[in-house]
Structures are given as C-alpha cells and as structure tokens.
Amino acid sequence: MNSSDIIRLLSLAAIWGGSFLFMRVASPVLGSAYLAEGRVLLAAIFLYFLALYLKKNRNLLEHWKHYLIMGFFNSALPFVLFGFAALNLSTSQLSILNATAPIWAFVIGLIVGGEKFKIKRGFGLLLGMIGVGVLFGTSSRSVDADSFQSIALGLGAAFSYGVASNYAKKSKGVEPFDNAHGSMWASAILLIPALFFIPIRSEPTPLVLGAVLAIGIVCSGIAYLLYFRLIKDVGAASALTVTFLIPVFGTLWGIFFLGEQLKLNAAIGMAIIILGTAMVAEFNFRRAFKAI
C-alpha cells in the first residue's frame, strides 16, 4: 500500500464518514424518503455520464432483477432507515452503528449457510453486541422511545447491508462499476412510492440542498470509484480497512461542524464495536498495512 493508496483510503473514509454529517443536516428538513431519493438519483446521473466517458454504458436491463435486489438492500432501504435515525442520533452514533454491517453479514451468512462458525468470530459477534450496549446503555440520560426506535432503525440499516453483502457473494457476472451504476438507478425507481408517504418536513435551504448534492455525488458517486480503485490496487482485504475508519471520521465531522460531544461511553463503544467487527471479518491489520 503506497502513499497514493493511503490517501485514497483516508479520503474514502472521510467521505463516507461525512455522509452521516450530511444526513444530520438534510434529513430533518427533507425527510428520509426525499433525502434518499436525491442521493441515489444524483449518484445514478453522475455514474451515467461517467459511464459514457469511460465507454461503459452497457445495457443495464440485462441484469435488472439483480440491480433491483442490490438497489433495495444496499441503498434504498438502508438510506431511508438511516435518514429516520438521523433525526435523533448523532453523527458519531450513526457511523458507529453503520460499522456493525460486517457483523450482521456474518450472522446472516451463518443462517443461510454461507459462513462457518469459529470461536474467534463468535467472540467478535459478542463484542459487537456489547459495544452497542455500551454505546447507548450507559448514556448519562435515559434512552427515550424515539432514541430507542432510531437505534433499531440504524441497526436495521446495517442489517440490510449485511443482506446485500451475502447476496453479492452469490451473484457473479456483473462488473463492480455496472453493479454500482445499475443499483443506483434501481434504487431511484424503488424509492418513488415512498415519496408519497414520507413528505418533505420543511422548505429546504441552500445549505440543505448542498448537503444533498454532496451526499449524492461525492458520498455515493465518487466514493464508489475510490473504493473500486482501492480494491483493484490493494485488494479487497486491505480496502476493508475503510470500515474501521468511517466511525472515526464520522465522529470528527460531528464534533467540528455540528458541535457534538464525544462522550466516554461512545468512545469505548466505538472501540469495542470496531474490534468485534475486525474479529468477525477475520481482518488482519498487520497484513493490510505490511506494504506501508
């Protein structure tokens, strides 16, 4: 992993960590559905013009069923759930809950037979559960009904990513760029009915519209390109390092731009969840960074 790869890795973590900041800004105004629709539609348009430039404008209808499934579980559903959760949870809490996705992927894999149980991975699963409990259970204020619901929605979004991850393992024959491009268009279509049931909460300001542009083009469109480039250059295992860096950046952006406070239980919970996720994913940090 050379200096350029490290810069890409940190940039990707910063961008994806920033997505939760933009959710916190835009969701209370646009509502969860319109924010999610704006995000995936902008990303789809961006990737469409990029596909034209790269001459990758293939017939997306060829794998339309696959894109609908991936679009629903990897974008449409989790984006809506996180949008709701952003109404009550901090940027730090959202990004930490997001980091549990590999743990859910492992649990789902055990159920469907795609994963094998190992003591180390089982211990990592237990750590992840403890981390969530520490993150929210030892807060200085009691967790009210709205906060509890938001926690469940955030975990549901991470669970949805786990479903998408297991589905992607069994789906072959679709290139990563086409997967991202097609699933974004599918998500945009799938989210249209939700617009009639989850209305805009108030009139959007230029700041909110800017947040939507950023989360759609930068956090979804450009971020995918960085991620696929990392996988190509350093491999999927090293690229997975971004999972553990996103909560760090998400926490920093919340502190710097929204004045959020990092409480001791949040810091401890984040560390426990990251450790548990690394154990479940059987991630080897030494191997990932041995080329540095």
C-alpha atoms as a PDB file:
ATOM      1  CA  MET A   1       0.000   0.000   0.000  1.00  0.00           C
ATOM      2  CA  ASN A   2       1.803   3.111  -1.244  1.00  0.00           C
ATOM      3  CA  SER A   3       1.201   6.735  -0.311  1.00  0.00           C
ATOM      4  CA  SER A   4      -1.406   7.198  -3.072  1.00  0.00           C
ATOM      5  CA  ASP A   5      -3.379   4.208  -1.803  1.00  0.00           C
ATOM      6  CA  ILE A   6      -3.272   5.539   1.754  1.00  0.00           C
ATOM      7  CA  ILE A   7      -4.542   8.925   0.556  1.00  0.00           C
ATOM      8  CA  ARG A   8      -7.398   7.219  -1.302  1.00  0.00           C
ATOM      9  CA  LEU A   9      -8.210   5.111   1.756  1.00  0.00           C
ATOM     10  CA  LEU A  10      -8.320   8.097   4.105  1.00  0.00           C
ATOM     11  CA  SER A  11     -10.273  10.150   1.555  1.00  0.00           C
ATOM     12  CA  LEU A  12     -12.849   7.389   1.185  1.00  0.00           C
ATOM     13  CA  ALA A  13     -13.225   7.043   4.960  1.00  0.00           C
ATOM     14  CA  ALA A  14     -13.579  10.816   5.293  1.00  0.00           C
ATOM     15  CA  ILE A  15     -16.197  10.937   2.513  1.00  0.00           C
ATOM     16  CA  TRP A  16     -18.279   8.056   3.837  1.00  0.00           C
ATOM     17  CA  GLY A  17     -17.958   9.405   7.364  1.00  0.00           C
ATOM     18  CA  GLY A  18     -19.192  12.732   6.008  1.00  0.00           C
ATOM     19  CA  SER A  19     -22.332  11.100   4.628  1.00  0.00           C
ATOM     20  CA  PHE A  20     -23.706  10.859   8.165  1.00  0.00           C
ATOM     21  CA  LEU A  21     -22.966  14.538   8.713  1.00  0.00           C
ATOM     22  CA  PHE A  22     -24.962  15.418   5.595  1.00  0.00           C
ATOM     23  CA  MET A  23     -27.792  13.161   6.769  1.00  0.00           C
ATOM     24  CA  ARG A  24     -27.936  15.047  10.045  1.00  0.00           C
ATOM     25  CA  VAL A  25     -28.169  18.334   8.127  1.00  0.00           C
ATOM     26  CA  ALA A  26     -30.682  17.335   5.450  1.00  0.00           C
ATOM     27  CA  SER A  27     -32.943  14.677   6.996  1.00  0.00           C
ATOM     28  CA  PRO A  28     -34.759  16.994   9.479  1.00  0.00           C
ATOM     29  CA  VAL A  29     -35.719  19.215   6.518  1.00  0.00           C
ATOM     30  CA  LEU A  30     -36.230  16.935   3.524  1.00  0.00           C
ATOM     31  CA  GLY A  31     -37.381  13.856   5.361  1.00  0.00           C
ATOM     32  CA  SER A  32     -35.918  10.401   4.927  1.00  0.00           C
ATOM     33  CA  ALA A  33     -37.504   9.488   1.577  1.00  0.00           C
ATOM     34  CA  TYR A  34     -36.676  12.659  -0.360  1.00  0.00           C
ATOM     35  CA  LEU A  35     -33.126  12.651   1.017  1.00  0.00           C
ATOM     36  CA  ALA A  36     -32.615   9.024  -0.037  1.00  0.00           C
ATOM     37  CA  GLU A  37     -34.171   9.660  -3.468  1.00  0.00           C
ATOM     38  CA  GLY A  38     -31.999  12.707  -4.031  1.00  0.00           C
ATOM     39  CA  ARG A  39     -28.922  10.782  -3.007  1.00  0.00           C
ATOM     40  CA  VAL A  40     -29.379   7.777  -5.296  1.00  0.00           C
ATOM     41  CA  LEU A  41     -30.712   9.794  -8.250  1.00  0.00           C
ATOM     42  CA  LEU A  42     -27.765  12.197  -8.203  1.00  0.00           C
ATOM     43  CA  ALA A  43     -25.369   9.266  -7.876  1.00  0.00           C
ATOM     44  CA  ALA A  44     -27.081   7.463 -10.782  1.00  0.00           C
ATOM     45  CA  ILE A  45     -26.863  10.528 -13.025  1.00  0.00           C
ATOM     46  CA  PHE A  46     -23.217  11.064 -12.114  1.00  0.00           C
ATOM     47  CA  LEU A  47     -22.354   7.427 -12.838  1.00  0.00           C
ATOM     48  CA  TYR A  48     -24.317   7.556 -16.111  1.00  0.00           C
ATOM     49  CA  PHE A  49     -22.219  10.388 -17.508  1.00  0.00           C
ATOM     50  CA  LEU A  50     -19.093   8.735 -16.171  1.00  0.00           C
ATOM     51  CA  ALA A  51     -20.110   5.513 -17.933  1.00  0.00           C
ATOM     52  CA  LEU A  52     -20.430   7.458 -21.186  1.00  0.00           C
ATOM     53  CA  TYR A  53     -16.981   8.958 -20.674  1.00  0.00           C
ATOM     54  CA  LEU A  54     -15.424   5.585 -19.816  1.00  0.00           C
ATOM     55  CA  LYS A  55     -17.396   3.861 -22.575  1.00  0.00           C
ATOM     56  CA  LYS A  56     -19.019   1.548 -20.025  1.00  0.00           C
ATOM     57  CA  ASN A  57     -22.590   2.420 -20.996  1.00  0.00           C
ATOM     58  CA  ARG A  58     -23.808  -1.171 -21.219  1.00  0.00           C
ATOM     59  CA  ASN A  59     -27.391  -2.407 -21.332  1.00  0.00           C
ATOM     60  CA  LEU A  60     -28.417  -2.248 -17.678  1.00  0.00           C
ATOM     61  CA  LEU A  61     -31.679  -4.063 -18.379  1.00  0.00           C
ATOM     62  CA  GLU A  62     -29.727  -7.274 -18.889  1.00  0.00           C
ATOM     63  CA  HIS A  63     -29.381  -7.727 -15.102  1.00  0.00           C
ATOM     64  CA  TRP A  64     -32.372  -5.687 -13.969  1.00  0.00           C
ATOM     65  CA  LYS A  65     -33.570  -8.206 -11.379  1.00  0.00           C
ATOM     66  CA  HIS A  66     -30.124  -8.286  -9.796  1.00  0.00           C
ATOM     67  CA  TYR A  67     -29.964  -4.483  -9.691  1.00  0.00           C
ATOM     68  CA  LEU A  68     -33.389  -4.263  -8.065  1.00  0.00           C
ATOM     69  CA  ILE A  69     -32.343  -6.628  -5.273  1.00  0.00           C
ATOM     70  CA  MET A  70     -28.982  -4.934  -4.746  1.00  0.00           C
ATOM     71  CA  GLY A  71     -30.533  -1.495  -5.012  1.00  0.00           C
ATOM     72  CA  PHE A  72     -33.154  -2.286  -2.396  1.00  0.00           C
ATOM     73  CA  PHE A  73     -30.888  -3.836   0.244  1.00  0.00           C
ATOM     74  CA  ASN A  74     -27.672  -1.897  -0.417  1.00  0.00           C
ATOM     75  CA  SER A  75     -29.110   1.594  -0.985  1.00  0.00           C
ATOM     76  CA  ALA A  76     -32.848   2.265  -0.897  1.00  0.00           C
ATOM     77  CA  LEU A  77     -33.768   0.576   2.394  1.00  0.00           C
ATOM     78  CA  PRO A  78     -30.651   1.470   4.463  1.00  0.00           C
ATOM     79  CA  PHE A  79     -30.627   5.077   3.237  1.00  0.00           C
ATOM     80  CA  VAL A  80     -34.259   5.551   4.316  1.00  0.00           C
ATOM     81  CA  LEU A  81     -33.652   3.875   7.676  1.00  0.00           C
ATOM     82  CA  PHE A  82     -30.545   5.943   8.382  1.00  0.00           C
ATOM     83  CA  GLY A  83     -32.459   9.056   7.333  1.00  0.00           C
ATOM     84  CA  PHE A  84     -35.039   8.366  10.039  1.00  0.00           C
ATOM     85  CA  ALA A  85     -32.353   7.503  12.586  1.00  0.00           C
ATOM     86  CA  ALA A  86     -30.544  10.784  11.853  1.00  0.00           C
ATOM     87  CA  LEU A  87     -33.462  12.687  13.379  1.00  0.00           C
ATOM     88  CA  ASN A  88     -32.443  11.584  16.881  1.00  0.00           C
ATOM     89  CA  LEU A  89     -28.917  10.141  16.798  1.00  0.00           C
ATOM     90  CA  SER A  90     -25.610  11.963  16.490  1.00  0.00           C
ATOM     91  CA  THR A  91     -23.220  11.673  13.559  1.00  0.00           C
ATOM     92  CA  SER A  92     -20.935   9.573  15.728  1.00  0.00           C
ATOM     93  CA  GLN A  93     -23.688   7.168  16.748  1.00  0.00           C
ATOM     94  CA  LEU A  94     -24.894   6.744  13.169  1.00  0.00           C
ATOM     95  CA  SER A  95     -21.419   5.974  11.839  1.00  0.00           C
ATOM     96  CA  ILE A  96     -20.723   3.510  14.661  1.00  0.00           C
ATOM     97  CA  LEU A  97     -23.978   1.640  14.025  1.00  0.00           C
ATOM     98  CA  ASN A  98     -23.022   1.507  10.357  1.00  0.00           C
ATOM     99  CA  ALA A  99     -19.796  -0.263  11.347  1.00  0.00           C
ATOM    100  CA  THR A 100     -21.805  -3.264  12.574  1.00  0.00           C
ATOM    101  CA  ALA A 101     -22.682  -4.231   8.977  1.00  0.00           C
ATOM    102  CA  PRO A 102     -19.945  -6.930   8.696  1.00  0.00           C
ATOM    103  CA  ILE A 103     -21.209  -8.447  11.949  1.00  0.00           C
ATOM    104  CA  TRP A 104     -24.740  -8.709  10.555  1.00  0.00           C
ATOM    105  CA  ALA A 105     -23.327 -10.132   7.320  1.00  0.00           C
ATOM    106  CA  PHE A 106     -21.655 -12.863   9.377  1.00  0.00           C
ATOM    107  CA  VAL A 107     -24.863 -13.672  11.280  1.00  0.00           C
ATOM    108  CA  ILE A 108     -26.891 -13.866   8.069  1.00  0.00           C
ATOM    109  CA  GLY A 109     -24.171 -15.982   6.476  1.00  0.00           C
ATOM    110  CA  LEU A 110     -24.400 -18.450   9.364  1.00  0.00           C
ATOM    111  CA  ILE A 111     -28.165 -18.698   8.923  1.00  0.00           C
ATOM    112  CA  VAL A 112     -28.102 -19.247   5.157  1.00  0.00           C
ATOM    113  CA  GLY A 113     -25.051 -21.496   5.274  1.00  0.00           C
ATOM    114  CA  GLY A 114     -22.584 -19.174   3.604  1.00  0.00           C
ATOM    115  CA  GLU A 115     -20.362 -18.781   6.679  1.00  0.00           C
ATOM    116  CA  LYS A 116     -18.760 -21.193   9.130  1.00  0.00           C
ATOM    117  CA  PHE A 117     -18.738 -20.543  12.848  1.00  0.00           C
ATOM    118  CA  LYS A 118     -15.377 -20.033  14.532  1.00  0.00           C
ATOM    119  CA  ILE A 119     -14.760 -19.237  18.179  1.00  0.00           C
ATOM    120  CA  LYS A 120     -12.859 -16.052  17.308  1.00  0.00           C
ATOM    121  CA  ARG A 121     -15.644 -14.804  15.043  1.00  0.00           C
ATOM    122  CA  GLY A 122     -18.264 -15.740  17.623  1.00  0.00           C
ATOM    123  CA  PHE A 123     -16.376 -13.752  20.237  1.00  0.00           C
ATOM    124  CA  GLY A 124     -16.244 -10.822  17.817  1.00  0.00           C
ATOM    125  CA  LEU A 125     -20.025 -11.047  17.430  1.00  0.00           C
ATOM    126  CA  LEU A 126     -20.402 -10.936  21.210  1.00  0.00           C
ATOM    127  CA  LEU A 127     -18.089  -7.920  21.402  1.00  0.00           C
ATOM    128  CA  GLY A 128     -20.180  -6.137  18.779  1.00  0.00           C
ATOM    129  CA  MET A 129     -23.329  -6.646  20.842  1.00  0.00           C
ATOM    130  CA  ILE A 130     -21.561  -5.443  23.987  1.00  0.00           C
ATOM    131  CA  GLY A 131     -20.261  -2.409  22.089  1.00  0.00           C
ATOM    132  CA  VAL A 132     -23.759  -1.354  21.067  1.00  0.00           C
ATOM    133  CA  GLY A 133     -24.878  -1.755  24.659  1.00  0.00           C
ATOM    134  CA  VAL A 134     -22.000   0.396  25.922  1.00  0.00           C
ATOM    135  CA  LEU A 135     -22.626   2.990  23.208  1.00  0.00           C
ATOM    136  CA  PHE A 136     -26.233   3.586  24.250  1.00  0.00           C
ATOM    137  CA  GLY A 137     -26.862   1.771  27.533  1.00  0.00           C
ATOM    138  CA  THR A 138     -24.533   3.785  29.749  1.00  0.00           C
ATOM    139  CA  SER A 139     -25.528   7.191  28.465  1.00  0.00           C
ATOM    140  CA  SER A 140     -25.882   9.931  31.062  1.00  0.00           C
ATOM    141  CA  ARG A 141     -29.529  10.339  30.063  1.00  0.00           C
ATOM    142  CA  SER A 142     -32.057   7.592  29.700  1.00  0.00           C
ATOM    143  CA  VAL A 143     -32.818   6.367  26.208  1.00  0.00           C
ATOM    144  CA  ASP A 144     -36.323   7.578  25.336  1.00  0.00           C
ATOM    145  CA  ALA A 145     -38.716   5.866  22.940  1.00  0.00           C
ATOM    146  CA  ASP A 146     -37.655   7.975  19.930  1.00  0.00           C
ATOM    147  CA  SER A 147     -33.959   7.298  20.538  1.00  0.00           C
ATOM    148  CA  PHE A 148     -34.572   3.580  21.022  1.00  0.00           C
ATOM    149  CA  GLN A 149     -36.501   3.484  17.752  1.00  0.00           C
ATOM    150  CA  SER A 150     -33.673   5.321  15.982  1.00  0.00           C
ATOM    151  CA  ILE A 151     -31.148   2.814  17.326  1.00  0.00           C
ATOM    152  CA  ALA A 152     -33.275  -0.038  15.973  1.00  0.00           C
ATOM    153  CA  LEU A 153     -33.543   1.703  12.588  1.00  0.00           C
ATOM    154  CA  GLY A 154     -29.771   2.252  12.429  1.00  0.00           C
ATOM    155  CA  LEU A 155     -29.132  -1.398  13.238  1.00  0.00           C
ATOM    156  CA  GLY A 156     -31.768  -2.326  10.649  1.00  0.00           C
ATOM    157  CA  ALA A 157     -29.869  -0.341   8.024  1.00  0.00           C
ATOM    158  CA  ALA A 158     -26.641  -2.153   8.928  1.00  0.00           C
ATOM    159  CA  PHE A 159     -28.547  -5.451   8.779  1.00  0.00           C
ATOM    160  CA  SER A 160     -29.723  -4.539   5.276  1.00  0.00           C
ATOM    161  CA  TYR A 161     -26.101  -4.020   4.224  1.00  0.00           C
ATOM    162  CA  GLY A 162     -25.396  -7.485   5.603  1.00  0.00           C
ATOM    163  CA  VAL A 163     -28.138  -8.956   3.418  1.00  0.00           C
ATOM    164  CA  ALA A 164     -26.709  -7.170   0.368  1.00  0.00           C
ATOM    165  CA  SER A 165     -23.222  -8.449   1.195  1.00  0.00           C
ATOM    166  CA  ASN A 166     -24.349 -12.069   1.327  1.00  0.00           C
ATOM    167  CA  TYR A 167     -26.375 -11.685  -1.848  1.00  0.00           C
ATOM    168  CA  ALA A 168     -23.408 -10.117  -3.666  1.00  0.00           C
ATOM    169  CA  LYS A 169     -21.203 -13.096  -2.755  1.00  0.00           C
ATOM    170  CA  LYS A 170     -23.557 -15.424  -4.622  1.00  0.00           C
ATOM    171  CA  SER A 171     -24.049 -13.095  -7.580  1.00  0.00           C
ATOM    172  CA  LYS A 172     -21.395 -13.292 -10.250  1.00  0.00           C
ATOM    173  CA  GLY A 173     -21.004 -11.989 -13.761  1.00  0.00           C
ATOM    174  CA  VAL A 174     -21.673  -8.292 -13.050  1.00  0.00           C
ATOM    175  CA  GLU A 175     -18.735  -5.876 -13.004  1.00  0.00           C
ATOM    176  CA  PRO A 176     -18.381  -3.639  -9.920  1.00  0.00           C
ATOM    177  CA  PHE A 177     -18.941  -0.413 -11.859  1.00  0.00           C
ATOM    178  CA  ASP A 178     -22.066  -1.784 -13.531  1.00  0.00           C
ATOM    179  CA  ASN A 179     -23.242  -3.036 -10.137  1.00  0.00           C
ATOM    180  CA  ALA A 180     -22.969   0.438  -8.650  1.00  0.00           C
ATOM    181  CA  HIS A 181     -24.489   2.143 -11.702  1.00  0.00           C
ATOM    182  CA  GLY A 182     -27.400  -0.241 -12.149  1.00  0.00           C
ATOM    183  CA  SER A 183     -28.256  -0.498  -8.457  1.00  0.00           C
ATOM    184  CA  MET A 184     -28.430   3.303  -8.127  1.00  0.00           C
ATOM    185  CA  TRP A 185     -30.986   3.568 -10.942  1.00  0.00           C
ATOM    186  CA  ALA A 186     -32.905   0.672  -9.416  1.00  0.00           C
ATOM    187  CA  SER A 187     -32.880   2.403  -6.017  1.00  0.00           C
ATOM    188  CA  ALA A 188     -34.168   5.624  -7.551  1.00  0.00           C
ATOM    189  CA  ILE A 189     -37.123   3.726  -9.044  1.00  0.00           C
ATOM    190  CA  LEU A 190     -37.818   1.747  -5.864  1.00  0.00           C
ATOM    191  CA  LEU A 191     -37.920   4.894  -3.726  1.00  0.00           C
ATOM    192  CA  ILE A 192     -40.555   6.710  -5.810  1.00  0.00           C
ATOM    193  CA  PRO A 193     -43.576   5.252  -3.906  1.00  0.00           C
ATOM    194  CA  ALA A 194     -42.015   6.292  -0.582  1.00  0.00           C
ATOM    195  CA  LEU A 195     -42.137   9.936  -1.669  1.00  0.00           C
ATOM    196  CA  PHE A 196     -45.936   9.881  -1.400  1.00  0.00           C
ATOM    197  CA  PHE A 197     -45.911   8.537   2.160  1.00  0.00           C
ATOM    198  CA  ILE A 198     -42.919  10.364   3.675  1.00  0.00           C
ATOM    199  CA  PRO A 199     -43.301  14.051   2.766  1.00  0.00           C
ATOM    200  CA  ILE A 200     -40.788  16.871   2.960  1.00  0.00           C
ATOM    201  CA  ARG A 201     -40.740  18.209   6.510  1.00  0.00           C
ATOM    202  CA  SER A 202     -39.986  21.874   5.710  1.00  0.00           C
ATOM    203  CA  GLU A 203     -38.714  24.123   2.923  1.00  0.00           C
ATOM    204  CA  PRO A 204     -35.102  23.255   2.018  1.00  0.00           C
ATOM    205  CA  THR A 205     -32.392  25.880   2.385  1.00  0.00           C
ATOM    206  CA  PRO A 206     -29.289  26.263   0.180  1.00  0.00           C
ATOM    207  CA  LEU A 207     -27.294  24.501   2.912  1.00  0.00           C
ATOM    208  CA  VAL A 208     -29.632  21.507   2.816  1.00  0.00           C
ATOM    209  CA  LEU A 209     -29.578  21.333  -0.981  1.00  0.00           C
ATOM    210  CA  GLY A 210     -25.788  21.494  -0.864  1.00  0.00           C
ATOM    211  CA  ALA A 211     -25.780  18.597   1.589  1.00  0.00           C
ATOM    212  CA  VAL A 212     -27.911  16.541  -0.811  1.00  0.00           C
ATOM    213  CA  LEU A 213     -25.564  17.314  -3.699  1.00  0.00           C
ATOM    214  CA  ALA A 214     -22.587  16.299  -1.584  1.00  0.00           C
ATOM    215  CA  ILE A 215     -24.131  13.068  -0.301  1.00  0.00           C
ATOM    216  CA  GLY A 216     -25.301  12.092  -3.792  1.00  0.00           C
ATOM    217  CA  ILE A 217     -22.349  12.984  -5.998  1.00  0.00           C
ATOM    218  CA  VAL A 218     -19.432  12.806  -3.571  1.00  0.00           C
ATOM    219  CA  CYS A 219     -20.503  10.272  -0.933  1.00  0.00           C
ATOM    220  CA  SER A 220     -22.159   7.895  -3.390  1.00  0.00           C
ATOM    221  CA  GLY A 221     -20.829   8.530  -6.904  1.00  0.00           C
ATOM    222  CA  ILE A 222     -17.182   9.489  -6.359  1.00  0.00           C
ATOM    223  CA  ALA A 223     -16.856   7.260  -3.281  1.00  0.00           C
ATOM    224  CA  TYR A 224     -17.686   4.152  -5.303  1.00  0.00           C
ATOM    225  CA  LEU A 225     -14.926   4.989  -7.765  1.00  0.00           C
ATOM    226  CA  LEU A 226     -12.390   5.374  -4.972  1.00  0.00           C
ATOM    227  CA  TYR A 227     -13.498   2.106  -3.413  1.00  0.00           C
ATOM    228  CA  PHE A 228     -13.291   0.108  -6.628  1.00  0.00           C
ATOM    229  CA  ARG A 229      -9.873   1.623  -7.359  1.00  0.00           C
ATOM    230  CA  LEU A 230      -8.678   0.568  -3.899  1.00  0.00           C
ATOM    231  CA  ILE A 231      -9.936  -2.979  -4.401  1.00  0.00           C
ATOM    232  CA  LYS A 232      -8.111  -3.130  -7.719  1.00  0.00           C
ATOM    233  CA  ASP A 233      -4.837  -1.725  -6.343  1.00  0.00           C
ATOM    234  CA  VAL A 234      -4.560  -3.218  -2.857  1.00  0.00           C
ATOM    235  CA  GLY A 235      -7.173  -5.995  -2.774  1.00  0.00           C
ATOM    236  CA  ALA A 236     -10.495  -6.382  -1.015  1.00  0.00           C
ATOM    237  CA  ALA A 237      -8.965  -7.229   2.389  1.00  0.00           C
ATOM    238  CA  SER A 238      -6.936  -4.030   2.633  1.00  0.00           C
ATOM    239  CA  ALA A 239      -9.799  -1.957   1.215  1.00  0.00           C
ATOM    240  CA  LEU A 240     -11.936  -3.252   4.083  1.00  0.00           C
ATOM    241  CA  THR A 241      -9.829  -1.056   6.383  1.00  0.00           C
ATOM    242  CA  VAL A 242     -12.196   1.780   5.473  1.00  0.00           C
ATOM    243  CA  THR A 243     -14.903   0.097   7.578  1.00  0.00           C
ATOM    244  CA  PHE A 244     -12.921   0.779  10.729  1.00  0.00           C
ATOM    245  CA  LEU A 245     -12.025   4.358   9.807  1.00  0.00           C
ATOM    246  CA  ILE A 246     -15.527   5.620   8.939  1.00  0.00           C
ATOM    247  CA  PRO A 247     -16.686   5.941  12.592  1.00  0.00           C
ATOM    248  CA  VAL A 248     -13.549   7.933  13.406  1.00  0.00           C
ATOM    249  CA  PHE A 249     -14.200  10.456  10.656  1.00  0.00           C
ATOM    250  CA  GLY A 250     -17.936  10.475  11.321  1.00  0.00           C
ATOM    251  CA  THR A 251     -17.226  11.395  14.926  1.00  0.00           C
ATOM    252  CA  LEU A 252     -14.734  14.101  13.948  1.00  0.00           C
ATOM    253  CA  TRP A 253     -17.129  15.740  11.461  1.00  0.00           C
ATOM    254  CA  GLY A 254     -19.897  15.774  14.066  1.00  0.00           C
ATOM    255  CA  ILE A 255     -17.604  17.468  16.588  1.00  0.00           C
ATOM    256  CA  PHE A 256     -16.152  20.017  14.161  1.00  0.00           C
ATOM    257  CA  PHE A 257     -19.268  21.023  12.227  1.00  0.00           C
ATOM    258  CA  LEU A 258     -22.242  20.296  14.498  1.00  0.00           C
ATOM    259  CA  GLY A 259     -20.688  20.840  17.891  1.00  0.00           C
ATOM    260  CA  GLU A 260     -21.446  17.285  19.016  1.00  0.00           C
ATOM    261  CA  GLN A 261     -19.653  15.942  22.065  1.00  0.00           C
ATOM    262  CA  LEU A 262     -17.798  12.637  22.165  1.00  0.00           C
ATOM    263  CA  LYS A 263     -18.788  11.032  25.446  1.00  0.00           C
ATOM    264  CA  LEU A 264     -16.679   8.395  27.134  1.00  0.00           C
ATOM    265  CA  ASN A 265     -19.242   5.639  26.575  1.00  0.00           C
ATOM    266  CA  ALA A 266     -19.372   6.486  22.854  1.00  0.00           C
ATOM    267  CA  ALA A 267     -15.589   6.275  22.524  1.00  0.00           C
ATOM    268  CA  ILE A 268     -15.451   2.960  24.404  1.00  0.00           C
ATOM    269  CA  GLY A 269     -18.428   1.564  22.481  1.00  0.00           C
ATOM    270  CA  MET A 270     -16.849   2.559  19.164  1.00  0.00           C
ATOM    271  CA  ALA A 271     -13.574   0.830  20.072  1.00  0.00           C
ATOM    272  CA  ILE A 272     -15.360  -2.356  21.149  1.00  0.00           C
ATOM    273  CA  ILE A 273     -17.522  -2.470  18.001  1.00  0.00           C
ATOM    274  CA  ILE A 274     -14.538  -1.871  15.716  1.00  0.00           C
ATOM    275  CA  LEU A 275     -12.592  -4.647  17.467  1.00  0.00           C
ATOM    276  CA  GLY A 276     -15.560  -7.005  17.252  1.00  0.00           C
ATOM    277  CA  THR A 277     -16.091  -6.201  13.585  1.00  0.00           C
ATOM    278  CA  ALA A 278     -12.419  -6.859  12.824  1.00  0.00           C
ATOM    279  CA  MET A 279     -12.624 -10.255  14.558  1.00  0.00           C
ATOM    280  CA  VAL A 280     -15.824 -11.237  12.749  1.00  0.00           C
ATOM    281  CA  ALA A 281     -14.334 -10.205   9.402  1.00  0.00           C
ATOM    282  CA  GLU A 282     -11.099 -12.051  10.296  1.00  0.00           C
ATOM    283  CA  PHE A 283      -9.302  -8.874   9.373  1.00  0.00           C
ATOM    284  CA  ASN A 284      -5.514  -8.812   9.696  1.00  0.00           C
ATOM    285  CA  PHE A 285      -4.359  -5.225  10.200  1.00  0.00           C
ATOM    286  CA  ARG A 286      -0.687  -6.213  10.027  1.00  0.00           C
ATOM    287  CA  ARG A 287      -1.171  -7.885   6.661  1.00  0.00           C
ATOM    288  CA  ALA A 288      -3.234  -4.999   5.339  1.00  0.00           C
ATOM    289  CA  PHE A 289      -0.529  -2.466   6.124  1.00  0.00           C
ATOM    290  CA  LYS A 290       2.574  -4.584   5.668  1.00  0.00           C
ATOM    291  CA  ALA A 291       3.459  -2.661   2.487  1.00  0.00           C
ATOM    292  CA  ILE A 292       3.447   0.721   4.226  1.00  0.00           C
END
